[in-house]
Amino acid sequence: RKGTKVEGLFKQVEDTNQDTDWESDDSGDEDEDDEDGGADVA
């Protein structure tokens, strides 16, 4: 199992920490989209 990731297979029921490994892969793109879209809305 070396190198096998379990992120995303299970998540804490009440997890308030959003800075997790499985969210970091595409969070940058989402942030950029949010910034552009957020600016338009603002």
Full PDB file with SEQRES, HELIX, SHEET, SSBOND, CRYST1, ORIGX, SCALE, CONECT and MASTER records, all heavy atoms in Angstrom:
SEQRES   1 A   42  ARG LYS GLY THR LYS VAL GLU GLY LEU PHE LYS GLN VAL          
SEQRES   2 A   42  GLU ASP THR ASN GLN ASP THR ASP TRP GLU SER ASP ASP          
SEQRES   3 A   42  SER GLY ASP GLU ASP GLU ASP ASP GLU ASP GLY GLY ALA          
SEQRES   4 A   42  ASP VAL ALA                                                  
HELIX    1 AA1 ASP A   21  SER A   24  1                                   4    
HELIX    2 AA2 SER A   27  VAL A   41  1                                  15    
CRYST1    1.000    1.000    1.000  90.00  90.00  90.00 P 1           1          
ORIGX1      1.000000  0.000000  0.000000        0.00000                         
ORIGX2      0.000000  1.000000  0.000000        0.00000                         
ORIGX3      0.000000  0.000000  1.000000        0.00000                         
SCALE1      1.000000  0.000000  0.000000        0.00000                         
SCALE2      0.000000  1.000000  0.000000        0.00000                         
SCALE3      0.000000  0.000000  1.000000        0.00000                         
ATOM      1  N   ARG A   1       0.817  -1.219   0.000  1.00  0.00           N  
ATOM      2  CA  ARG A   1       0.000   0.000   0.000  1.00  0.00           C  
ATOM      3  C   ARG A   1       0.842   1.256   0.000  1.00  0.00           C  
ATOM      4  O   ARG A   1       0.302   2.357   0.006  1.00  0.00           O  
ATOM      5  CB  ARG A   1      -0.909   0.031   1.218  1.00  0.00           C  
ATOM      6  CG  ARG A   1      -0.236   0.503   2.494  1.00  0.00           C  
ATOM      7  CD  ARG A   1      -1.173   0.491   3.666  1.00  0.00           C  
ATOM      8  NE  ARG A   1      -0.488   0.982   4.866  1.00  0.00           N  
ATOM      9  CZ  ARG A   1      -0.527   2.237   5.279  1.00  0.00           C  
ATOM     10  NH1 ARG A   1      -1.196   3.128   4.593  1.00  0.00           N  
ATOM     11  NH2 ARG A   1       0.103   2.610   6.377  1.00  0.00           N  
ATOM     12  N   LYS A   2       2.151   1.147  -0.010  1.00  0.00           N  
ATOM     13  CA  LYS A   2       3.003   2.328  -0.031  1.00  0.00           C  
ATOM     14  C   LYS A   2       2.666   3.185  -1.245  1.00  0.00           C  
ATOM     15  O   LYS A   2       2.652   2.706  -2.377  1.00  0.00           O  
ATOM     16  CB  LYS A   2       4.486   1.922  -0.081  1.00  0.00           C  
ATOM     17  CG  LYS A   2       4.951   1.131   1.130  1.00  0.00           C  
ATOM     18  CD  LYS A   2       4.785   1.935   2.421  1.00  0.00           C  
ATOM     19  CE  LYS A   2       5.318   1.167   3.617  1.00  0.00           C  
ATOM     20  NZ  LYS A   2       5.139   1.921   4.871  1.00  0.00           N  
ATOM     21  N   GLY A   3       2.404   4.443  -0.997  1.00  0.00           N  
ATOM     22  CA  GLY A   3       2.068   5.355  -2.080  1.00  0.00           C  
ATOM     23  C   GLY A   3       0.582   5.424  -2.355  1.00  0.00           C  
ATOM     24  O   GLY A   3       0.125   6.264  -3.107  1.00  0.00           O  
ATOM     25  N   THR A   4      -0.187   4.531  -1.735  1.00  0.00           N  
ATOM     26  CA  THR A   4      -1.629   4.550  -1.927  1.00  0.00           C  
ATOM     27  C   THR A   4      -2.258   5.576  -0.995  1.00  0.00           C  
ATOM     28  O   THR A   4      -2.014   5.560   0.208  1.00  0.00           O  
ATOM     29  CB  THR A   4      -2.235   3.161  -1.648  1.00  0.00           C  
ATOM     30  OG1 THR A   4      -1.622   2.219  -2.527  1.00  0.00           O  
ATOM     31  CG2 THR A   4      -3.737   3.176  -1.868  1.00  0.00           C  
ATOM     32  N   LYS A   5      -3.040   6.479  -1.544  1.00  0.00           N  
ATOM     33  CA  LYS A   5      -3.666   7.522  -0.749  1.00  0.00           C  
ATOM     34  C   LYS A   5      -5.078   7.111  -0.355  1.00  0.00           C  
ATOM     35  O   LYS A   5      -5.788   6.486  -1.124  1.00  0.00           O  
ATOM     36  CB  LYS A   5      -3.712   8.846  -1.528  1.00  0.00           C  
ATOM     37  CG  LYS A   5      -2.334   9.425  -1.841  1.00  0.00           C  
ATOM     38  CD  LYS A   5      -2.472  10.763  -2.545  1.00  0.00           C  
ATOM     39  CE  LYS A   5      -1.096  11.372  -2.813  1.00  0.00           C  
ATOM     40  NZ  LYS A   5      -1.203  12.682  -3.498  1.00  0.00           N  
ATOM     41  N   VAL A   6      -5.437   7.469   0.847  1.00  0.00           N  
ATOM     42  CA  VAL A   6      -6.795   7.173   1.304  1.00  0.00           C  
ATOM     43  C   VAL A   6      -7.625   8.442   1.393  1.00  0.00           C  
ATOM     44  O   VAL A   6      -8.789   8.400   1.753  1.00  0.00           O  
ATOM     45  CB  VAL A   6      -6.770   6.487   2.693  1.00  0.00           C  
ATOM     46  CG1 VAL A   6      -6.032   5.178   2.626  1.00  0.00           C  
ATOM     47  CG2 VAL A   6      -6.135   7.400   3.725  1.00  0.00           C  
ATOM     48  N   GLU A   7      -7.026   9.573   1.070  1.00  0.00           N  
ATOM     49  CA  GLU A   7      -7.779  10.814   1.122  1.00  0.00           C  
ATOM     50  C   GLU A   7      -8.991  10.741   0.207  1.00  0.00           C  
ATOM     51  O   GLU A   7      -8.899  10.283  -0.920  1.00  0.00           O  
ATOM     52  CB  GLU A   7      -6.916  12.009   0.711  1.00  0.00           C  
ATOM     53  CG  GLU A   7      -5.845  12.392   1.722  1.00  0.00           C  
ATOM     54  CD  GLU A   7      -4.579  11.585   1.567  1.00  0.00           C  
ATOM     55  OE1 GLU A   7      -4.614  10.577   0.840  1.00  0.00           O  
ATOM     56  OE2 GLU A   7      -3.565  11.961   2.179  1.00  0.00           O  
ATOM     57  N   GLY A   8     -10.105  11.171   0.701  1.00  0.00           N  
ATOM     58  CA  GLY A   8     -11.314  11.176  -0.099  1.00  0.00           C  
ATOM     59  C   GLY A   8     -12.158   9.928   0.088  1.00  0.00           C  
ATOM     60  O   GLY A   8     -13.326   9.916  -0.243  1.00  0.00           O  
ATOM     61  N   LEU A   9     -11.545   8.862   0.645  1.00  0.00           N  
ATOM     62  CA  LEU A   9     -12.318   7.651   0.869  1.00  0.00           C  
ATOM     63  C   LEU A   9     -13.173   7.772   2.115  1.00  0.00           C  
ATOM     64  O   LEU A   9     -14.184   7.109   2.253  1.00  0.00           O  
ATOM     65  CB  LEU A   9     -11.371   6.446   1.016  1.00  0.00           C  
ATOM     66  CG  LEU A   9     -10.521   6.094  -0.209  1.00  0.00           C  
ATOM     67  CD1 LEU A   9      -9.635   4.901   0.106  1.00  0.00           C  
ATOM     68  CD2 LEU A   9     -11.409   5.782  -1.402  1.00  0.00           C  
ATOM     69  N   PHE A  10     -12.749   8.623   3.003  1.00  0.00           N  
ATOM     70  CA  PHE A  10     -13.469   8.777   4.262  1.00  0.00           C  
ATOM     71  C   PHE A  10     -13.247  10.181   4.770  1.00  0.00           C  
ATOM     72  O   PHE A  10     -12.180  10.753   4.583  1.00  0.00           O  
ATOM     73  CB  PHE A  10     -12.954   7.761   5.288  1.00  0.00           C  
ATOM     74  CG  PHE A  10     -13.746   7.749   6.560  1.00  0.00           C  
ATOM     75  CD1 PHE A  10     -14.871   6.967   6.664  1.00  0.00           C  
ATOM     76  CD2 PHE A  10     -13.367   8.520   7.629  1.00  0.00           C  
ATOM     77  CE1 PHE A  10     -15.613   6.964   7.824  1.00  0.00           C  
ATOM     78  CE2 PHE A  10     -14.103   8.525   8.800  1.00  0.00           C  
ATOM     79  CZ  PHE A  10     -15.226   7.735   8.894  1.00  0.00           C  
ATOM     80  N   LYS A  11     -14.222  10.744   5.392  1.00  0.00           N  
ATOM     81  CA  LYS A  11     -14.101  12.111   5.893  1.00  0.00           C  
ATOM     82  C   LYS A  11     -14.756  12.207   7.257  1.00  0.00           C  
ATOM     83  O   LYS A  11     -15.779  11.586   7.501  1.00  0.00           O  
ATOM     84  CB  LYS A  11     -14.749  13.106   4.926  1.00  0.00           C  
ATOM     85  CG  LYS A  11     -14.477  14.563   5.296  1.00  0.00           C  
ATOM     86  CD  LYS A  11     -14.986  15.497   4.211  1.00  0.00           C  
ATOM     87  CE  LYS A  11     -14.659  16.941   4.536  1.00  0.00           C  
ATOM     88  NZ  LYS A  11     -15.115  17.861   3.475  1.00  0.00           N  
ATOM     89  N   GLN A  12     -14.160  12.978   8.124  1.00  0.00           N  
ATOM     90  CA  GLN A  12     -14.709  13.177   9.453  1.00  0.00           C  
ATOM     91  C   GLN A  12     -16.097  13.793   9.356  1.00  0.00           C  
ATOM     92  O   GLN A  12     -16.358  14.634   8.515  1.00  0.00           O  
ATOM     93  CB  GLN A  12     -13.781  14.092  10.254  1.00  0.00           C  
ATOM     94  CG  GLN A  12     -14.143  14.176  11.727  1.00  0.00           C  
ATOM     95  CD  GLN A  12     -13.210  15.111  12.473  1.00  0.00           C  
ATOM     96  OE1 GLN A  12     -12.727  16.066  11.890  1.00  0.00           O  
ATOM     97  NE2 GLN A  12     -12.967  14.839  13.732  1.00  0.00           N  
ATOM     98  N   VAL A  13     -16.976  13.350  10.210  1.00  0.00           N  
ATOM     99  CA  VAL A  13     -18.363  13.792  10.144  1.00  0.00           C  
ATOM    100  C   VAL A  13     -18.468  15.297  10.344  1.00  0.00           C  
ATOM    101  O   VAL A  13     -19.103  15.998   9.578  1.00  0.00           O  
ATOM    102  CB  VAL A  13     -19.189  13.058  11.226  1.00  0.00           C  
ATOM    103  CG1 VAL A  13     -20.621  13.576  11.214  1.00  0.00           C  
ATOM    104  CG2 VAL A  13     -19.182  11.573  10.948  1.00  0.00           C  
ATOM    105  N   GLU A  14     -17.815  15.806  11.387  1.00  0.00           N  
ATOM    106  CA  GLU A  14     -17.870  17.235  11.662  1.00  0.00           C  
ATOM    107  C   GLU A  14     -16.479  17.797  11.498  1.00  0.00           C  
ATOM    108  O   GLU A  14     -15.778  18.064  12.464  1.00  0.00           O  
ATOM    109  CB  GLU A  14     -18.390  17.484  13.084  1.00  0.00           C  
ATOM    110  CG  GLU A  14     -19.819  17.004  13.283  1.00  0.00           C  
ATOM    111  CD  GLU A  14     -20.293  17.239  14.692  1.00  0.00           C  
ATOM    112  OE1 GLU A  14     -19.481  17.715  15.505  1.00  0.00           O  
ATOM    113  OE2 GLU A  14     -21.457  16.958  14.978  1.00  0.00           O  
ATOM    114  N   ASP A  15     -16.082  17.986  10.255  1.00  0.00           N  
ATOM    115  CA  ASP A  15     -14.737  18.471   9.964  1.00  0.00           C  
ATOM    116  C   ASP A  15     -14.805  19.942   9.622  1.00  0.00           C  
ATOM    117  O   ASP A  15     -15.344  20.332   8.593  1.00  0.00           O  
ATOM    118  CB  ASP A  15     -14.131  17.682   8.796  1.00  0.00           C  
ATOM    119  CG  ASP A  15     -12.717  18.130   8.481  1.00  0.00           C  
ATOM    120  OD1 ASP A  15     -12.072  18.760   9.333  1.00  0.00           O  
ATOM    121  OD2 ASP A  15     -12.273  17.859   7.368  1.00  0.00           O  
ATOM    122  N   THR A  16     -14.257  20.774  10.509  1.00  0.00           N  
ATOM    123  CA  THR A  16     -14.266  22.207  10.255  1.00  0.00           C  
ATOM    124  C   THR A  16     -13.002  22.675   9.581  1.00  0.00           C  
ATOM    125  O   THR A  16     -12.906  23.827   9.177  1.00  0.00           O  
ATOM    126  CB  THR A  16     -14.428  22.974  11.575  1.00  0.00           C  
ATOM    127  OG1 THR A  16     -13.355  22.607  12.468  1.00  0.00           O  
ATOM    128  CG2 THR A  16     -15.764  22.640  12.231  1.00  0.00           C  
ATOM    129  N   ASN A  17     -12.021  21.790   9.443  1.00  0.00           N  
ATOM    130  CA  ASN A  17     -10.759  22.156   8.797  1.00  0.00           C  
ATOM    131  C   ASN A  17     -10.871  21.897   7.307  1.00  0.00           C  
ATOM    132  O   ASN A  17     -10.885  20.763   6.872  1.00  0.00           O  
ATOM    133  CB  ASN A  17      -9.611  21.357   9.406  1.00  0.00           C  
ATOM    134  CG  ASN A  17      -8.276  21.732   8.795  1.00  0.00           C  
ATOM    135  OD1 ASN A  17      -8.182  22.731   8.082  1.00  0.00           O  
ATOM    136  ND2 ASN A  17      -7.256  20.932   9.058  1.00  0.00           N  
ATOM    137  N   GLN A  18     -10.966  22.929   6.531  1.00  0.00           N  
ATOM    138  CA  GLN A  18     -11.152  22.778   5.094  1.00  0.00           C  
ATOM    139  C   GLN A  18      -9.841  22.664   4.342  1.00  0.00           C  
ATOM    140  O   GLN A  18      -9.835  22.435   3.141  1.00  0.00           O  
ATOM    141  CB  GLN A  18     -11.943  23.973   4.536  1.00  0.00           C  
ATOM    142  CG  GLN A  18     -13.333  24.100   5.141  1.00  0.00           C  
ATOM    143  CD  GLN A  18     -14.199  22.898   4.868  1.00  0.00           C  
ATOM    144  OE1 GLN A  18     -14.152  22.341   3.766  1.00  0.00           O  
ATOM    145  NE2 GLN A  18     -14.981  22.458   5.829  1.00  0.00           N  
ATOM    146  N   ASP A  19      -8.730  22.847   5.034  1.00  0.00           N  
ATOM    147  CA  ASP A  19      -7.423  22.789   4.379  1.00  0.00           C  
ATOM    148  C   ASP A  19      -6.939  21.352   4.359  1.00  0.00           C  
ATOM    149  O   ASP A  19      -6.076  20.951   5.124  1.00  0.00           O  
ATOM    150  CB  ASP A  19      -6.415  23.671   5.120  1.00  0.00           C  
ATOM    151  CG  ASP A  19      -5.095  23.763   4.365  1.00  0.00           C  
ATOM    152  OD1 ASP A  19      -5.072  23.379   3.184  1.00  0.00           O  
ATOM    153  OD2 ASP A  19      -4.105  24.204   4.967  1.00  0.00           O  
ATOM    154  N   THR A  20      -7.554  20.541   3.519  1.00  0.00           N  
ATOM    155  CA  THR A  20      -7.236  19.129   3.466  1.00  0.00           C  
ATOM    156  C   THR A  20      -6.568  18.772   2.154  1.00  0.00           C  
ATOM    157  O   THR A  20      -6.695  19.473   1.161  1.00  0.00           O  
ATOM    158  CB  THR A  20      -8.530  18.293   3.604  1.00  0.00           C  
ATOM    159  OG1 THR A  20      -9.494  18.795   2.672  1.00  0.00           O  
ATOM    160  CG2 THR A  20      -9.092  18.415   5.012  1.00  0.00           C  
ATOM    161  N   ASP A  21      -5.889  17.624   2.169  1.00  0.00           N  
ATOM    162  CA  ASP A  21      -5.095  17.238   1.011  1.00  0.00           C  
ATOM    163  C   ASP A  21      -5.946  17.021  -0.228  1.00  0.00           C  
ATOM    164  O   ASP A  21      -5.573  17.378  -1.329  1.00  0.00           O  
ATOM    165  CB  ASP A  21      -4.314  15.943   1.318  1.00  0.00           C  
ATOM    166  CG  ASP A  21      -3.267  16.191   2.393  1.00  0.00           C  
ATOM    167  OD1 ASP A  21      -2.875  17.361   2.553  1.00  0.00           O  
ATOM    168  OD2 ASP A  21      -2.850  15.231   3.058  1.00  0.00           O  
ATOM    169  N   TRP A  22      -7.129  16.380  -0.012  1.00  0.00           N  
ATOM    170  CA  TRP A  22      -7.909  16.041  -1.206  1.00  0.00           C  
ATOM    171  C   TRP A  22      -8.578  17.257  -1.839  1.00  0.00           C  
ATOM    172  O   TRP A  22      -9.132  17.177  -2.911  1.00  0.00           O  
ATOM    173  CB  TRP A  22      -8.952  14.969  -0.880  1.00  0.00           C  
ATOM    174  CG  TRP A  22     -10.046  15.409   0.025  1.00  0.00           C  
ATOM    175  CD1 TRP A  22     -11.200  16.047  -0.306  1.00  0.00           C  
ATOM    176  CD2 TRP A  22     -10.086  15.246   1.440  1.00  0.00           C  
ATOM    177  NE1 TRP A  22     -11.949  16.287   0.808  1.00  0.00           N  
ATOM    178  CE2 TRP A  22     -11.314  15.809   1.873  1.00  0.00           C  
ATOM    179  CE3 TRP A  22      -9.232  14.669   2.369  1.00  0.00           C  
ATOM    180  CZ2 TRP A  22     -11.675  15.799   3.212  1.00  0.00           C  
ATOM    181  CZ3 TRP A  22      -9.613  14.668   3.689  1.00  0.00           C  
ATOM    182  CH2 TRP A  22     -10.808  15.232   4.100  1.00  0.00           C  
ATOM    183  N   GLU A  23      -8.543  18.404  -1.146  1.00  0.00           N  
ATOM    184  CA  GLU A  23      -9.130  19.609  -1.721  1.00  0.00           C  
ATOM    185  C   GLU A  23      -8.089  20.521  -2.347  1.00  0.00           C  
ATOM    186  O   GLU A  23      -8.417  21.479  -3.010  1.00  0.00           O  
ATOM    187  CB  GLU A  23      -9.867  20.390  -0.624  1.00  0.00           C  
ATOM    188  CG  GLU A  23     -11.099  19.659  -0.106  1.00  0.00           C  
ATOM    189  CD  GLU A  23     -11.729  20.418   1.039  1.00  0.00           C  
ATOM    190  OE1 GLU A  23     -11.040  21.279   1.609  1.00  0.00           O  
ATOM    191  OE2 GLU A  23     -12.887  20.164   1.350  1.00  0.00           O  
ATOM    192  N   SER A  24      -6.805  20.200  -2.116  1.00  0.00           N  
ATOM    193  CA  SER A  24      -5.756  21.116  -2.542  1.00  0.00           C  
ATOM    194  C   SER A  24      -5.389  20.957  -4.013  1.00  0.00           C  
ATOM    195  O   SER A  24      -4.772  21.827  -4.589  1.00  0.00           O  
ATOM    196  CB  SER A  24      -4.500  20.892  -1.688  1.00  0.00           C  
ATOM    197  OG  SER A  24      -4.026  19.572  -1.850  1.00  0.00           O  
ATOM    198  N   ASP A  25      -5.768  19.838  -4.634  1.00  0.00           N  
ATOM    199  CA  ASP A  25      -5.362  19.598  -6.010  1.00  0.00           C  
ATOM    200  C   ASP A  25      -5.957  20.609  -6.973  1.00  0.00           C  
ATOM    201  O   ASP A  25      -5.285  21.164  -7.823  1.00  0.00           O  
ATOM    202  CB  ASP A  25      -5.770  18.173  -6.452  1.00  0.00           C  
ATOM    203  CG  ASP A  25      -4.998  17.122  -5.671  1.00  0.00           C  
ATOM    204  OD1 ASP A  25      -3.925  17.478  -5.134  1.00  0.00           O  
ATOM    205  OD2 ASP A  25      -5.473  15.991  -5.582  1.00  0.00           O  
ATOM    206  N   ASP A  26      -7.258  20.878  -6.844  1.00  0.00           N  
ATOM    207  CA  ASP A  26      -7.896  21.778  -7.799  1.00  0.00           C  
ATOM    208  C   ASP A  26      -8.447  23.023  -7.118  1.00  0.00           C  
ATOM    209  O   ASP A  26      -9.250  23.732  -7.681  1.00  0.00           O  
ATOM    210  CB  ASP A  26      -9.024  21.056  -8.555  1.00  0.00           C  
ATOM    211  CG  ASP A  26     -10.016  20.408  -7.605  1.00  0.00           C  
ATOM    212  OD1 ASP A  26      -9.846  20.567  -6.384  1.00  0.00           O  
ATOM    213  OD2 ASP A  26     -10.939  19.749  -8.092  1.00  0.00           O  
ATOM    214  N   SER A  27      -8.033  23.256  -5.877  1.00  0.00           N  
ATOM    215  CA  SER A  27      -8.565  24.417  -5.176  1.00  0.00           C  
ATOM    216  C   SER A  27      -8.094  25.714  -5.812  1.00  0.00           C  
ATOM    217  O   SER A  27      -8.780  26.716  -5.786  1.00  0.00           O  
ATOM    218  CB  SER A  27      -8.137  24.377  -3.702  1.00  0.00           C  
ATOM    219  OG  SER A  27      -6.725  24.376  -3.600  1.00  0.00           O  
ATOM    220  N   GLY A  28      -6.876  25.686  -6.409  1.00  0.00           N  
ATOM    221  CA  GLY A  28      -6.354  26.901  -7.024  1.00  0.00           C  
ATOM    222  C   GLY A  28      -7.216  27.362  -8.173  1.00  0.00           C  
ATOM    223  O   GLY A  28      -7.540  28.546  -8.307  1.00  0.00           O  
ATOM    224  N   ASP A  29      -7.622  26.413  -9.024  1.00  0.00           N  
ATOM    225  CA  ASP A  29      -8.472  26.778 -10.157  1.00  0.00           C  
ATOM    226  C   ASP A  29      -9.798  27.328  -9.678  1.00  0.00           C  
ATOM    227  O   ASP A  29     -10.331  28.277 -10.220  1.00  0.00           O  
ATOM    228  CB  ASP A  29      -8.701  25.549 -11.058  1.00  0.00           C  
ATOM    229  CG  ASP A  29      -7.392  25.090 -11.689  1.00  0.00           C  
ATOM    230  OD1 ASP A  29      -6.459  25.911 -11.772  1.00  0.00           O  
ATOM    231  OD2 ASP A  29      -7.313  23.916 -12.078  1.00  0.00           O  
ATOM    232  N   GLU A  30     -10.323  26.658  -8.609  1.00  0.00           N  
ATOM    233  CA  GLU A  30     -11.612  27.106  -8.116  1.00  0.00           C  
ATOM    234  C   GLU A  30     -11.496  28.505  -7.536  1.00  0.00           C  
ATOM    235  O   GLU A  30     -12.382  29.333  -7.686  1.00  0.00           O  
ATOM    236  CB  GLU A  30     -12.120  26.137  -7.048  1.00  0.00           C  
ATOM    237  CG  GLU A  30     -12.458  24.759  -7.618  1.00  0.00           C  
ATOM    238  CD  GLU A  30     -12.913  23.819  -6.521  1.00  0.00           C  
ATOM    239  OE1 GLU A  30     -12.886  24.230  -5.343  1.00  0.00           O  
ATOM    240  OE2 GLU A  30     -13.298  22.692  -6.832  1.00  0.00           O  
ATOM    241  N   ASP A  31     -10.362  28.760  -6.843  1.00  0.00           N  
ATOM    242  CA  ASP A  31     -10.188  30.084  -6.263  1.00  0.00           C  
ATOM    243  C   ASP A  31     -10.128  31.149  -7.346  1.00  0.00           C  
ATOM    244  O   ASP A  31     -10.674  32.235  -7.210  1.00  0.00           O  
ATOM    245  CB  ASP A  31      -8.907  30.135  -5.426  1.00  0.00           C  
ATOM    246  CG  ASP A  31      -9.029  29.287  -4.167  1.00  0.00           C  
ATOM    247  OD1 ASP A  31     -10.186  28.980  -3.798  1.00  0.00           O  
ATOM    248  OD2 ASP A  31      -7.998  28.938  -3.589  1.00  0.00           O  
ATOM    249  N   GLU A  32      -9.427  30.828  -8.460  1.00  0.00           N  
ATOM    250  CA  GLU A  32      -9.336  31.792  -9.543  1.00  0.00           C  
ATOM    251  C   GLU A  32     -10.697  32.072 -10.143  1.00  0.00           C  
ATOM    252  O   GLU A  32     -11.059  33.203 -10.419  1.00  0.00           O  
ATOM    253  CB  GLU A  32      -8.387  31.269 -10.629  1.00  0.00           C  
ATOM    254  CG  GLU A  32      -6.934  31.195 -10.166  1.00  0.00           C  
ATOM    255  CD  GLU A  32      -6.022  30.593 -11.221  1.00  0.00           C  
ATOM    256  OE1 GLU A  32      -6.534  30.279 -12.321  1.00  0.00           O  
ATOM    257  OE2 GLU A  32      -4.838  30.434 -10.955  1.00  0.00           O  
ATOM    258  N   ASP A  33     -11.467  30.976 -10.316  1.00  0.00           N  
ATOM    259  CA  ASP A  33     -12.807  31.160 -10.862  1.00  0.00           C  
ATOM    260  C   ASP A  33     -13.648  31.983  -9.910  1.00  0.00           C  
ATOM    261  O   ASP A  33     -14.417  32.847 -10.316  1.00  0.00           O  
ATOM    262  CB  ASP A  33     -13.470  29.788 -11.100  1.00  0.00           C  
ATOM    263  CG  ASP A  33     -12.733  29.024 -12.194  1.00  0.00           C  
ATOM    264  OD1 ASP A  33     -12.005  29.662 -12.966  1.00  0.00           O  
ATOM    265  OD2 ASP A  33     -12.902  27.800 -12.263  1.00  0.00           O  
ATOM    266  N   ASP A  34     -13.483  31.666  -8.590  1.00  0.00           N  
ATOM    267  CA  ASP A  34     -14.289  32.384  -7.618  1.00  0.00           C  
ATOM    268  C   ASP A  34     -13.932  33.855  -7.598  1.00  0.00           C  
ATOM    269  O   ASP A  34     -14.778  34.716  -7.431  1.00  0.00           O  
ATOM    270  CB  ASP A  34     -14.089  31.782  -6.220  1.00  0.00           C  
ATOM    271  CG  ASP A  34     -14.695  30.390  -6.131  1.00  0.00           C  
ATOM    272  OD1 ASP A  34     -15.509  30.080  -7.009  1.00  0.00           O  
ATOM    273  OD2 ASP A  34     -14.344  29.647  -5.201  1.00  0.00           O  
ATOM    274  N   GLU A  35     -12.601  34.124  -7.755  1.00  0.00           N  
ATOM    275  CA  GLU A  35     -12.194  35.519  -7.726  1.00  0.00           C  
ATOM    276  C   GLU A  35     -12.774  36.292  -8.903  1.00  0.00           C  
ATOM    277  O   GLU A  35     -13.276  37.390  -8.754  1.00  0.00           O  
ATOM    278  CB  GLU A  35     -10.666  35.612  -7.766  1.00  0.00           C  
ATOM    279  CG  GLU A  35     -10.010  35.139  -6.478  1.00  0.00           C  
ATOM    280  CD  GLU A  35      -8.507  35.131  -6.588  1.00  0.00           C  
ATOM    281  OE1 GLU A  35      -8.014  35.533  -7.661  1.00  0.00           O  
ATOM    282  OE2 GLU A  35      -7.842  34.728  -5.624  1.00  0.00           O  
ATOM    283  N   ASP A  36     -12.733  35.700 -10.096  1.00  0.00           N  
ATOM    284  CA  ASP A  36     -13.296  36.369 -11.264  1.00  0.00           C  
ATOM    285  C   ASP A  36     -14.800  36.531 -11.125  1.00  0.00           C  
ATOM    286  O   ASP A  36     -15.364  37.594 -11.327  1.00  0.00           O  
ATOM    287  CB  ASP A  36     -12.968  35.580 -12.540  1.00  0.00           C  
ATOM    288  CG  ASP A  36     -11.459  35.550 -12.782  1.00  0.00           C  
ATOM    289  OD1 ASP A  36     -10.765  36.427 -12.231  1.00  0.00           O  
ATOM    290  OD2 ASP A  36     -11.001  34.656 -13.507  1.00  0.00           O  
ATOM    291  N   GLY A  37     -15.440  35.380 -10.790  1.00  0.00           N  
ATOM    292  CA  GLY A  37     -16.891  35.424 -10.693  1.00  0.00           C  
ATOM    293  C   GLY A  37     -17.331  36.316  -9.554  1.00  0.00           C  
ATOM    294  O   GLY A  37     -18.293  37.055  -9.642  1.00  0.00           O  
ATOM    295  N   GLY A  38     -16.567  36.239  -8.420  1.00  0.00           N  
ATOM    296  CA  GLY A  38     -16.926  37.058  -7.275  1.00  0.00           C  
ATOM    297  C   GLY A  38     -16.813  38.528  -7.594  1.00  0.00           C  
ATOM    298  O   GLY A  38     -17.602  39.341  -7.137  1.00  0.00           O  
ATOM    299  N   ALA A  39     -15.817  38.884  -8.387  1.00  0.00           N  
ATOM    300  CA  ALA A  39     -15.639  40.292  -8.739  1.00  0.00           C  
ATOM    301  C   ALA A  39     -16.814  40.785  -9.561  1.00  0.00           C  
ATOM    302  O   ALA A  39     -17.299  41.899  -9.373  1.00  0.00           O  
ATOM    303  CB  ALA A  39     -14.326  40.470  -9.508  1.00  0.00           C  
ATOM    304  N   ASP A  40     -17.292  39.946 -10.484  1.00  0.00           N  
ATOM    305  CA  ASP A  40     -18.430  40.347 -11.308  1.00  0.00           C  
ATOM    306  C   ASP A  40     -19.658  40.575 -10.455  1.00  0.00           C  
ATOM    307  O   ASP A  40     -20.378  41.549 -10.620  1.00  0.00           O  
ATOM    308  CB  ASP A  40     -18.716  39.273 -12.364  1.00  0.00           C  
ATOM    309  CG  ASP A  40     -17.593  39.179 -13.384  1.00  0.00           C  
ATOM    310  OD1 ASP A  40     -16.830  40.184 -13.508  1.00  0.00           O  
ATOM    311  OD2 ASP A  40     -17.484  38.134 -14.033  1.00  0.00           O  
ATOM    312  N   VAL A  41     -19.879  39.664  -9.514  1.00  0.00           N  
ATOM    313  CA  VAL A  41     -21.048  39.798  -8.664  1.00  0.00           C  
ATOM    314  C   VAL A  41     -20.928  41.041  -7.802  1.00  0.00           C  
ATOM    315  O   VAL A  41     -21.870  41.799  -7.618  1.00  0.00           O  
ATOM    316  CB  VAL A  41     -21.211  38.550  -7.770  1.00  0.00           C  
ATOM    317  CG1 VAL A  41     -22.337  38.754  -6.765  1.00  0.00           C  
ATOM    318  CG2 VAL A  41     -21.475  37.327  -8.637  1.00  0.00           C  
ATOM    319  N   ALA A  42     -19.723  41.265  -7.268  1.00  0.00           N  
ATOM    320  CA  ALA A  42     -19.523  42.423  -6.401  1.00  0.00           C  
ATOM    321  C   ALA A  42     -19.754  43.715  -7.161  1.00  0.00           C  
ATOM    322  O   ALA A  42     -20.330  44.661  -6.631  1.00  0.00           O  
ATOM    323  CB  ALA A  42     -18.108  42.394  -5.819  1.00  0.00           C  
TER     324      ALA A  42                                                      
MASTER        0    0    0    2    0    0    0    6  323    1    0    4          
END                                                                             
